[in-house]
């Protein structure tokens, strides 16, 4: 199982780690930490040294109730960050966390390699067509509504069945445009209650029937710290537990804030 990133085939038979770099002032865990070029480069270097295969850049917080960010502001934040990272670390495989097709296009043209879309194309009807034309890997996540409304949209008759239908429809749509490398993300924390998150997590191996790489992003999320009555700052241990289980259930990419600990999970599970 491989994905093509700027001409390089990345083998996912051994799972890989995607480090998160939020260049927003309001992300739930690391918002506002990386305001300067120096802080950004220091964090990128740290994640690469610790073993990250991908760095995921986000300039629009998708936490519940997050405020609106204009397309121009999102694009400017991302393009300037791509430039400084690739100047210092030219071989970095950058993933762009955006649901806007024009932002995606500009970022790929500036040197990014992957598009990570929380809406699977539902928030911009040009996204699937655009990514297909760019011929880059595409991460499609499960979500209902948008970041402002998703937590009011948690009614399901059978959540796993509905998610499988959602992905099947989105995959077929993407394939119709000629999109080749597709990665699926169950979207933990998006339009799901705490109980629903754990129900989906407990049955996550069923997504392997889609025969596509599975990305899991649960790093320091509320499904961990609310259950443990703690905070995002103290949720690393819970994150590591769930990352380990995710790997056992077939996850091929772990999207995390803490790269070193995730890489250790991969090494241990691979050794087993």
C-alpha atoms as a PDB file:
ATOM      1  CA  UNK A   1       0.000   0.000   0.000  1.00  0.00           C
ATOM      2  CA  UNK A   2       1.701   3.185  -1.240  1.00  0.00           C
ATOM      3  CA  UNK A   3       0.884   6.828  -1.937  1.00  0.00           C
ATOM      4  CA  UNK A   4       2.636   9.045  -4.477  1.00  0.00           C
ATOM      5  CA  UNK A   5       3.956  12.270  -2.970  1.00  0.00           C
ATOM      6  CA  UNK A   6       5.662  14.501  -5.558  1.00  0.00           C
ATOM      7  CA  UNK A   7       6.981  11.484  -7.429  1.00  0.00           C
ATOM      8  CA  UNK A   8       8.130   9.552  -4.367  1.00  0.00           C
ATOM      9  CA  UNK A   9       6.202   6.399  -3.447  1.00  0.00           C
ATOM     10  CA  UNK A  10       5.675   6.268   0.311  1.00  0.00           C
ATOM     11  CA  UNK A  11       5.129   2.729   1.566  1.00  0.00           C
ATOM     12  CA  UNK A  12       2.411   2.493   4.209  1.00  0.00           C
ATOM     13  CA  UNK A  13       2.872  -1.219   4.899  1.00  0.00           C
ATOM     14  CA  UNK A  14       4.695   0.028   7.996  1.00  0.00           C
ATOM     15  CA  UNK A  15       2.502   2.824   9.436  1.00  0.00           C
ATOM     16  CA  UNK A  16       3.734   6.389   9.287  1.00  0.00           C
ATOM     17  CA  UNK A  17       3.394   9.403  11.590  1.00  0.00           C
ATOM     18  CA  UNK A  18       2.010  12.793  10.570  1.00  0.00           C
ATOM     19  CA  UNK A  19       3.047  15.684  12.799  1.00  0.00           C
ATOM     20  CA  UNK A  20       0.537  18.479  13.372  1.00  0.00           C
ATOM     21  CA  UNK A  21       1.576  22.114  12.950  1.00  0.00           C
ATOM     22  CA  UNK A  22      -1.276  24.524  13.595  1.00  0.00           C
ATOM     23  CA  UNK A  23      -0.507  28.073  12.507  1.00  0.00           C
ATOM     24  CA  UNK A  24      -3.688  29.403  14.081  1.00  0.00           C
ATOM     25  CA  UNK A  25      -4.151  31.480  17.234  1.00  0.00           C
ATOM     26  CA  UNK A  26      -7.025  29.334  18.505  1.00  0.00           C
ATOM     27  CA  UNK A  27      -6.474  25.601  17.994  1.00  0.00           C
ATOM     28  CA  UNK A  28      -7.622  23.567  20.990  1.00  0.00           C
ATOM     29  CA  UNK A  29      -4.160  22.414  22.077  1.00  0.00           C
ATOM     30  CA  UNK A  30      -1.326  24.308  20.386  1.00  0.00           C
ATOM     31  CA  UNK A  31      -3.051  27.458  19.164  1.00  0.00           C
ATOM     32  CA  UNK A  32      -0.763  30.471  19.129  1.00  0.00           C
ATOM     33  CA  UNK A  33       2.446  28.547  19.871  1.00  0.00           C
ATOM     34  CA  UNK A  34       3.988  28.994  16.426  1.00  0.00           C
ATOM     35  CA  UNK A  35       3.742  32.686  15.594  1.00  0.00           C
ATOM     36  CA  UNK A  36       7.281  33.344  14.376  1.00  0.00           C
ATOM     37  CA  UNK A  37       9.338  31.802  11.580  1.00  0.00           C
ATOM     38  CA  UNK A  38      11.864  30.618  14.148  1.00  0.00           C
ATOM     39  CA  UNK A  39       9.215  28.856  16.245  1.00  0.00           C
ATOM     40  CA  UNK A  40       7.761  27.172  13.169  1.00  0.00           C
ATOM     41  CA  UNK A  41      11.142  25.927  11.936  1.00  0.00           C
ATOM     42  CA  UNK A  42      12.147  24.713  15.387  1.00  0.00           C
ATOM     43  CA  UNK A  43       8.966  22.646  15.694  1.00  0.00           C
ATOM     44  CA  UNK A  44       9.249  21.249  12.155  1.00  0.00           C
ATOM     45  CA  UNK A  45      12.856  20.234  12.794  1.00  0.00           C
ATOM     46  CA  UNK A  46      11.850  18.585  16.070  1.00  0.00           C
ATOM     47  CA  UNK A  47       9.096  16.553  14.415  1.00  0.00           C
ATOM     48  CA  UNK A  48      11.286  15.500  11.488  1.00  0.00           C
ATOM     49  CA  UNK A  49      14.124  14.428  13.785  1.00  0.00           C
ATOM     50  CA  UNK A  50      11.666  12.439  15.897  1.00  0.00           C
ATOM     51  CA  UNK A  51      10.528  10.515  12.833  1.00  0.00           C
ATOM     52  CA  UNK A  52       7.553  12.273  11.235  1.00  0.00           C
ATOM     53  CA  UNK A  53       7.033  11.282   7.593  1.00  0.00           C
ATOM     54  CA  UNK A  54       4.507  14.064   6.987  1.00  0.00           C
ATOM     55  CA  UNK A  55       3.893  17.527   8.464  1.00  0.00           C
ATOM     56  CA  UNK A  56       0.252  18.642   8.404  1.00  0.00           C
ATOM     57  CA  UNK A  57      -0.250  22.421   8.227  1.00  0.00           C
ATOM     58  CA  UNK A  58      -3.522  23.940   9.376  1.00  0.00           C
ATOM     59  CA  UNK A  59      -4.486  27.613   9.247  1.00  0.00           C
ATOM     60  CA  UNK A  60      -8.201  27.337  10.078  1.00  0.00           C
ATOM     61  CA  UNK A  61      -9.119  25.840  13.432  1.00  0.00           C
ATOM     62  CA  UNK A  62     -11.790  23.139  13.084  1.00  0.00           C
ATOM     63  CA  UNK A  63     -12.515  22.804  16.789  1.00  0.00           C
ATOM     64  CA  UNK A  64     -16.242  22.964  17.666  1.00  0.00           C
ATOM     65  CA  UNK A  65     -17.524  26.519  17.349  1.00  0.00           C
ATOM     66  CA  UNK A  66     -14.296  27.868  15.854  1.00  0.00           C
ATOM     67  CA  UNK A  67     -14.593  31.339  14.389  1.00  0.00           C
ATOM     68  CA  UNK A  68     -14.647  31.989  10.654  1.00  0.00           C
ATOM     69  CA  UNK A  69     -11.338  32.589   8.857  1.00  0.00           C
ATOM     70  CA  UNK A  70     -11.401  34.230   5.440  1.00  0.00           C
ATOM     71  CA  UNK A  71     -10.014  32.359   2.459  1.00  0.00           C
ATOM     72  CA  UNK A  72      -7.438  35.093   1.901  1.00  0.00           C
ATOM     73  CA  UNK A  73      -6.174  34.891   5.481  1.00  0.00           C
ATOM     74  CA  UNK A  74      -6.027  31.090   5.435  1.00  0.00           C
ATOM     75  CA  UNK A  75      -4.142  31.106   2.140  1.00  0.00           C
ATOM     76  CA  UNK A  76      -1.663  33.776   3.243  1.00  0.00           C
ATOM     77  CA  UNK A  77      -0.898  31.935   6.469  1.00  0.00           C
ATOM     78  CA  UNK A  78      -0.303  28.672   4.629  1.00  0.00           C
ATOM     79  CA  UNK A  79       1.715  29.958   1.672  1.00  0.00           C
ATOM     80  CA  UNK A  80       4.166  31.911   3.819  1.00  0.00           C
ATOM     81  CA  UNK A  81       4.653  28.888   6.088  1.00  0.00           C
ATOM     82  CA  UNK A  82       5.175  26.500   3.160  1.00  0.00           C
ATOM     83  CA  UNK A  83       7.840  28.837   1.788  1.00  0.00           C
ATOM     84  CA  UNK A  84       9.880  29.072   4.966  1.00  0.00           C
ATOM     85  CA  UNK A  85       9.651  25.324   5.701  1.00  0.00           C
ATOM     86  CA  UNK A  86      10.661  24.169   2.228  1.00  0.00           C
ATOM     87  CA  UNK A  87      13.485  26.695   2.085  1.00  0.00           C
ATOM     88  CA  UNK A  88      14.978  25.229   5.275  1.00  0.00           C
ATOM     89  CA  UNK A  89      13.837  21.603   4.872  1.00  0.00           C
ATOM     90  CA  UNK A  90      13.263  21.109   1.114  1.00  0.00           C
ATOM     91  CA  UNK A  91      12.438  17.382   1.336  1.00  0.00           C
ATOM     92  CA  UNK A  92       9.597  17.820   3.817  1.00  0.00           C
ATOM     93  CA  UNK A  93       6.340  16.156   2.741  1.00  0.00           C
ATOM     94  CA  UNK A  94       3.721  18.773   3.594  1.00  0.00           C
ATOM     95  CA  UNK A  95       0.044  17.991   4.016  1.00  0.00           C
ATOM     96  CA  UNK A  96      -2.405  20.903   3.900  1.00  0.00           C
ATOM     97  CA  UNK A  97      -5.430  20.852   6.179  1.00  0.00           C
ATOM     98  CA  UNK A  98      -8.054  22.798   4.203  1.00  0.00           C
ATOM     99  CA  UNK A  99     -11.563  22.346   2.843  1.00  0.00           C
ATOM    100  CA  UNK A 100     -11.188  25.093   0.199  1.00  0.00           C
ATOM    101  CA  UNK A 101     -10.241  24.052  -3.318  1.00  0.00           C
ATOM    102  CA  UNK A 102      -8.429  27.246  -4.305  1.00  0.00           C
ATOM    103  CA  UNK A 103      -6.367  27.196  -1.117  1.00  0.00           C
ATOM    104  CA  UNK A 104      -5.533  23.563  -1.861  1.00  0.00           C
ATOM    105  CA  UNK A 105      -4.479  24.422  -5.428  1.00  0.00           C
ATOM    106  CA  UNK A 106      -2.232  27.324  -4.393  1.00  0.00           C
ATOM    107  CA  UNK A 107      -0.565  25.277  -1.668  1.00  0.00           C
ATOM    108  CA  UNK A 108       0.197  22.326  -3.958  1.00  0.00           C
ATOM    109  CA  UNK A 109       1.580  24.727  -6.560  1.00  0.00           C
ATOM    110  CA  UNK A 110       3.814  26.163  -3.810  1.00  0.00           C
ATOM    111  CA  UNK A 111       5.311  22.777  -2.966  1.00  0.00           C
ATOM    112  CA  UNK A 112       2.899  20.940  -0.666  1.00  0.00           C
ATOM    113  CA  UNK A 113       2.214  17.276  -1.415  1.00  0.00           C
ATOM    114  CA  UNK A 114      -1.089  16.164   0.201  1.00  0.00           C
ATOM    115  CA  UNK A 115      -4.538  17.666   0.802  1.00  0.00           C
ATOM    116  CA  UNK A 116      -6.297  16.869   4.073  1.00  0.00           C
ATOM    117  CA  UNK A 117      -9.994  17.829   3.851  1.00  0.00           C
ATOM    118  CA  UNK A 118     -12.198  17.589   6.945  1.00  0.00           C
ATOM    119  CA  UNK A 119     -15.321  17.748   4.771  1.00  0.00           C
ATOM    120  CA  UNK A 120     -14.487  15.166   2.055  1.00  0.00           C
ATOM    121  CA  UNK A 121     -15.476  17.746  -0.536  1.00  0.00           C
ATOM    122  CA  UNK A 122     -18.868  18.674   0.918  1.00  0.00           C
ATOM    123  CA  UNK A 123     -17.860  22.229   1.908  1.00  0.00           C
ATOM    124  CA  UNK A 124     -16.464  23.049  -1.550  1.00  0.00           C
ATOM    125  CA  UNK A 125     -17.965  21.278  -4.555  1.00  0.00           C
ATOM    126  CA  UNK A 126     -14.797  21.968  -6.574  1.00  0.00           C
ATOM    127  CA  UNK A 127     -12.464  20.198  -4.155  1.00  0.00           C
ATOM    128  CA  UNK A 128     -12.540  16.644  -5.523  1.00  0.00           C
ATOM    129  CA  UNK A 129     -12.150  17.821  -9.104  1.00  0.00           C
ATOM    130  CA  UNK A 130      -9.321  20.173  -8.129  1.00  0.00           C
ATOM    131  CA  UNK A 131      -7.346  17.586  -6.166  1.00  0.00           C
ATOM    132  CA  UNK A 132      -7.808  15.057  -8.971  1.00  0.00           C
ATOM    133  CA  UNK A 133      -6.364  17.541 -11.461  1.00  0.00           C
ATOM    134  CA  UNK A 134      -3.377  18.096  -9.165  1.00  0.00           C
ATOM    135  CA  UNK A 135      -2.832  14.309  -8.860  1.00  0.00           C
ATOM    136  CA  UNK A 136      -1.880  14.405  -5.176  1.00  0.00           C
ATOM    137  CA  UNK A 137      -3.012  12.177  -2.297  1.00  0.00           C
ATOM    138  CA  UNK A 138      -6.292  13.211  -0.691  1.00  0.00           C
ATOM    139  CA  UNK A 139      -7.382  12.594   2.884  1.00  0.00           C
ATOM    140  CA  UNK A 140     -11.171  12.573   3.202  1.00  0.00           C
ATOM    141  CA  UNK A 141     -12.665  12.801   6.667  1.00  0.00           C
ATOM    142  CA  UNK A 142     -16.123  11.956   7.964  1.00  0.00           C
ATOM    143  CA  UNK A 143     -18.055  14.951   9.263  1.00  0.00           C
ATOM    144  CA  UNK A 144     -21.594  16.279   9.118  1.00  0.00           C
ATOM    145  CA  UNK A 145     -22.224  19.997   8.816  1.00  0.00           C
ATOM    146  CA  UNK A 146     -19.258  22.286   9.432  1.00  0.00           C
ATOM    147  CA  UNK A 147     -17.104  23.196  12.457  1.00  0.00           C
ATOM    148  CA  UNK A 148     -19.732  25.693  13.626  1.00  0.00           C
ATOM    149  CA  UNK A 149     -22.658  23.239  13.445  1.00  0.00           C
ATOM    150  CA  UNK A 150     -21.232  19.721  13.655  1.00  0.00           C
ATOM    151  CA  UNK A 151     -21.797  19.143  17.358  1.00  0.00           C
ATOM    152  CA  UNK A 152     -25.548  19.582  16.864  1.00  0.00           C
ATOM    153  CA  UNK A 153     -25.539  16.892  14.168  1.00  0.00           C
ATOM    154  CA  UNK A 154     -24.898  13.712  16.138  1.00  0.00           C
ATOM    155  CA  UNK A 155     -28.104  11.782  15.402  1.00  0.00           C
ATOM    156  CA  UNK A 156     -27.478   8.422  13.725  1.00  0.00           C
ATOM    157  CA  UNK A 157     -29.583   5.287  13.377  1.00  0.00           C
ATOM    158  CA  UNK A 158     -26.447   3.195  12.882  1.00  0.00           C
ATOM    159  CA  UNK A 159     -23.312   5.329  12.964  1.00  0.00           C
ATOM    160  CA  UNK A 160     -20.914   2.787  11.498  1.00  0.00           C
ATOM    161  CA  UNK A 161     -23.281   1.857   8.668  1.00  0.00           C
ATOM    162  CA  UNK A 162     -23.866   5.541   7.853  1.00  0.00           C
ATOM    163  CA  UNK A 163     -20.128   6.258   7.878  1.00  0.00           C
ATOM    164  CA  UNK A 164     -19.440   3.340   5.527  1.00  0.00           C
ATOM    165  CA  UNK A 165     -22.110   4.645   3.150  1.00  0.00           C
ATOM    166  CA  UNK A 166     -20.629   8.159   3.418  1.00  0.00           C
ATOM    167  CA  UNK A 167     -17.143   6.943   2.517  1.00  0.00           C
ATOM    168  CA  UNK A 168     -18.369   4.684  -0.271  1.00  0.00           C
ATOM    169  CA  UNK A 169     -20.214   7.594  -1.890  1.00  0.00           C
ATOM    170  CA  UNK A 170     -17.290  10.007  -1.473  1.00  0.00           C
ATOM    171  CA  UNK A 171     -14.762   7.479  -2.786  1.00  0.00           C
ATOM    172  CA  UNK A 172     -16.891   6.794  -5.870  1.00  0.00           C
ATOM    173  CA  UNK A 173     -17.272  10.517  -6.463  1.00  0.00           C
ATOM    174  CA  UNK A 174     -13.526  11.081  -6.140  1.00  0.00           C
ATOM    175  CA  UNK A 175     -12.755   8.155  -8.446  1.00  0.00           C
ATOM    176  CA  UNK A 176     -15.124   9.593 -11.063  1.00  0.00           C
ATOM    177  CA  UNK A 177     -12.759  12.587 -11.340  1.00  0.00           C
ATOM    178  CA  UNK A 178      -9.728  10.314 -11.607  1.00  0.00           C
ATOM    179  CA  UNK A 179      -8.446  10.806  -8.070  1.00  0.00           C
ATOM    180  CA  UNK A 180      -6.047   7.945  -7.328  1.00  0.00           C
ATOM    181  CA  UNK A 181      -4.507   8.108  -3.848  1.00  0.00           C
ATOM    182  CA  UNK A 182      -7.306   8.339  -1.276  1.00  0.00           C
ATOM    183  CA  UNK A 183      -6.878   8.088   2.500  1.00  0.00           C
ATOM    184  CA  UNK A 184      -9.843   7.875   4.867  1.00  0.00           C
ATOM    185  CA  UNK A 185     -10.163   9.486   8.301  1.00  0.00           C
ATOM    186  CA  UNK A 186     -13.095   8.535  10.603  1.00  0.00           C
ATOM    187  CA  UNK A 187     -13.136  12.068  11.993  1.00  0.00           C
ATOM    188  CA  UNK A 188     -13.014  11.458  15.716  1.00  0.00           C
ATOM    189  CA  UNK A 189     -14.561  14.427  17.506  1.00  0.00           C
ATOM    190  CA  UNK A 190     -16.434  15.657  14.430  1.00  0.00           C
ATOM    191  CA  UNK A 191     -20.249  15.349  14.601  1.00  0.00           C
ATOM    192  CA  UNK A 192     -19.900  12.603  17.197  1.00  0.00           C
ATOM    193  CA  UNK A 193     -20.582  12.404  20.916  1.00  0.00           C
ATOM    194  CA  UNK A 194     -18.000  10.974  23.271  1.00  0.00           C
ATOM    195  CA  UNK A 195     -19.870   7.659  23.309  1.00  0.00           C
ATOM    196  CA  UNK A 196     -20.121   7.596  19.500  1.00  0.00           C
ATOM    197  CA  UNK A 197     -16.381   8.261  19.180  1.00  0.00           C
ATOM    198  CA  UNK A 198     -15.631   5.168  21.242  1.00  0.00           C
ATOM    199  CA  UNK A 199     -18.240   3.088  19.439  1.00  0.00           C
ATOM    200  CA  UNK A 200     -16.594   3.923  16.098  1.00  0.00           C
ATOM    201  CA  UNK A 201     -13.101   3.433  17.513  1.00  0.00           C
ATOM    202  CA  UNK A 202     -14.055   0.022  18.871  1.00  0.00           C
ATOM    203  CA  UNK A 203     -15.222  -1.113  15.425  1.00  0.00           C
ATOM    204  CA  UNK A 204     -12.626   0.728  13.367  1.00  0.00           C
ATOM    205  CA  UNK A 205     -11.274  -2.410  11.694  1.00  0.00           C
ATOM    206  CA  UNK A 206     -14.450  -2.476   9.568  1.00  0.00           C
ATOM    207  CA  UNK A 207     -13.083   0.495   7.587  1.00  0.00           C
ATOM    208  CA  UNK A 208     -10.381  -1.821   6.265  1.00  0.00           C
ATOM    209  CA  UNK A 209     -13.083  -3.255   3.981  1.00  0.00           C
ATOM    210  CA  UNK A 210     -12.731  -0.068   1.927  1.00  0.00           C
ATOM    211  CA  UNK A 211      -9.195  -1.223   1.051  1.00  0.00           C
ATOM    212  CA  UNK A 212      -7.721   2.253   1.487  1.00  0.00           C
ATOM    213  CA  UNK A 213      -5.162   3.613   3.960  1.00  0.00           C
ATOM    214  CA  UNK A 214      -6.722   4.640   7.266  1.00  0.00           C
ATOM    215  CA  UNK A 215      -5.600   7.797   9.067  1.00  0.00           C
ATOM    216  CA  UNK A 216      -6.416   8.205  12.757  1.00  0.00           C
ATOM    217  CA  UNK A 217      -6.274  11.595  14.458  1.00  0.00           C
ATOM    218  CA  UNK A 218      -7.172  11.437  18.146  1.00  0.00           C
ATOM    219  CA  UNK A 219      -4.198  13.361  19.541  1.00  0.00           C
ATOM    220  CA  UNK A 220      -5.122  15.017  22.864  1.00  0.00           C
ATOM    221  CA  UNK A 221      -8.788  15.295  21.822  1.00  0.00           C
ATOM    222  CA  UNK A 222     -11.743  15.742  24.137  1.00  0.00           C
ATOM    223  CA  UNK A 223     -12.771  12.093  23.730  1.00  0.00           C
ATOM    224  CA  UNK A 224      -9.666  11.386  25.816  1.00  0.00           C
ATOM    225  CA  UNK A 225      -9.455  14.207  28.311  1.00  0.00           C
ATOM    226  CA  UNK A 226     -13.182  14.442  29.034  1.00  0.00           C
ATOM    227  CA  UNK A 227     -13.364  10.710  29.696  1.00  0.00           C
ATOM    228  CA  UNK A 228     -10.333  10.933  31.996  1.00  0.00           C
ATOM    229  CA  UNK A 229     -11.500  14.215  33.555  1.00  0.00           C
ATOM    230  CA  UNK A 230      -8.249  15.908  32.636  1.00  0.00           C
ATOM    231  CA  UNK A 231      -7.089  18.478  30.052  1.00  0.00           C
ATOM    232  CA  UNK A 232      -5.462  18.481  26.602  1.00  0.00           C
ATOM    233  CA  UNK A 233      -2.123  19.203  28.292  1.00  0.00           C
ATOM    234  CA  UNK A 234      -2.317  15.973  30.294  1.00  0.00           C
ATOM    235  CA  UNK A 235      -3.831  13.757  27.576  1.00  0.00           C
ATOM    236  CA  UNK A 236      -0.628  12.322  26.103  1.00  0.00           C
ATOM    237  CA  UNK A 237      -0.869   8.992  27.923  1.00  0.00           C
ATOM    238  CA  UNK A 238      -4.443   8.467  26.753  1.00  0.00           C
ATOM    239  CA  UNK A 239      -3.412   9.461  23.237  1.00  0.00           C
ATOM    240  CA  UNK A 240      -0.653   6.845  23.236  1.00  0.00           C
ATOM    241  CA  UNK A 241      -3.063   4.145  24.427  1.00  0.00           C
ATOM    242  CA  UNK A 242      -5.515   4.888  21.620  1.00  0.00           C
ATOM    243  CA  UNK A 243      -2.775   5.231  19.003  1.00  0.00           C
ATOM    244  CA  UNK A 244      -1.544   1.766  19.945  1.00  0.00           C
ATOM    245  CA  UNK A 245      -5.033   0.292  19.600  1.00  0.00           C
ATOM    246  CA  UNK A 246      -5.535   2.168  16.305  1.00  0.00           C
ATOM    247  CA  UNK A 247      -2.426   0.529  14.878  1.00  0.00           C
ATOM    248  CA  UNK A 248      -3.715  -2.879  15.946  1.00  0.00           C
ATOM    249  CA  UNK A 249      -6.963  -2.116  14.124  1.00  0.00           C
ATOM    250  CA  UNK A 250      -5.212  -1.242  10.869  1.00  0.00           C
ATOM    251  CA  UNK A 251      -4.329   2.467  11.019  1.00  0.00           C
ATOM    252  CA  UNK A 252      -1.638   3.372   8.485  1.00  0.00           C
ATOM    253  CA  UNK A 253      -1.101   7.023   9.488  1.00  0.00           C
ATOM    254  CA  UNK A 254      -1.202   8.509  12.986  1.00  0.00           C
ATOM    255  CA  UNK A 255      -1.836  12.265  12.974  1.00  0.00           C
ATOM    256  CA  UNK A 256      -0.363  13.601  16.214  1.00  0.00           C
ATOM    257  CA  UNK A 257       1.036  16.528  18.166  1.00  0.00           C
ATOM    258  CA  UNK A 258       3.646  14.301  19.842  1.00  0.00           C
ATOM    259  CA  UNK A 259       5.710  12.577  17.164  1.00  0.00           C
ATOM    260  CA  UNK A 260       8.274  10.760  19.295  1.00  0.00           C
ATOM    261  CA  UNK A 261       5.669   8.851  21.293  1.00  0.00           C
ATOM    262  CA  UNK A 262       3.681   7.909  18.164  1.00  0.00           C
ATOM    263  CA  UNK A 263       6.812   6.652  16.386  1.00  0.00           C
ATOM    264  CA  UNK A 264       7.544   4.489  19.420  1.00  0.00           C
ATOM    265  CA  UNK A 265       4.028   3.016  19.181  1.00  0.00           C
ATOM    266  CA  UNK A 266       4.658   2.110  15.547  1.00  0.00           C
ATOM    267  CA  UNK A 267       8.021   0.502  16.345  1.00  0.00           C
ATOM    268  CA  UNK A 268       6.599  -1.614  19.163  1.00  0.00           C
ATOM    269  CA  UNK A 269       3.513  -2.767  17.223  1.00  0.00           C
ATOM    270  CA  UNK A 270       5.656  -3.519  14.171  1.00  0.00           C
ATOM    271  CA  UNK A 271       8.003  -5.606  16.299  1.00  0.00           C
ATOM    272  CA  UNK A 272       5.029  -7.576  17.659  1.00  0.00           C
END
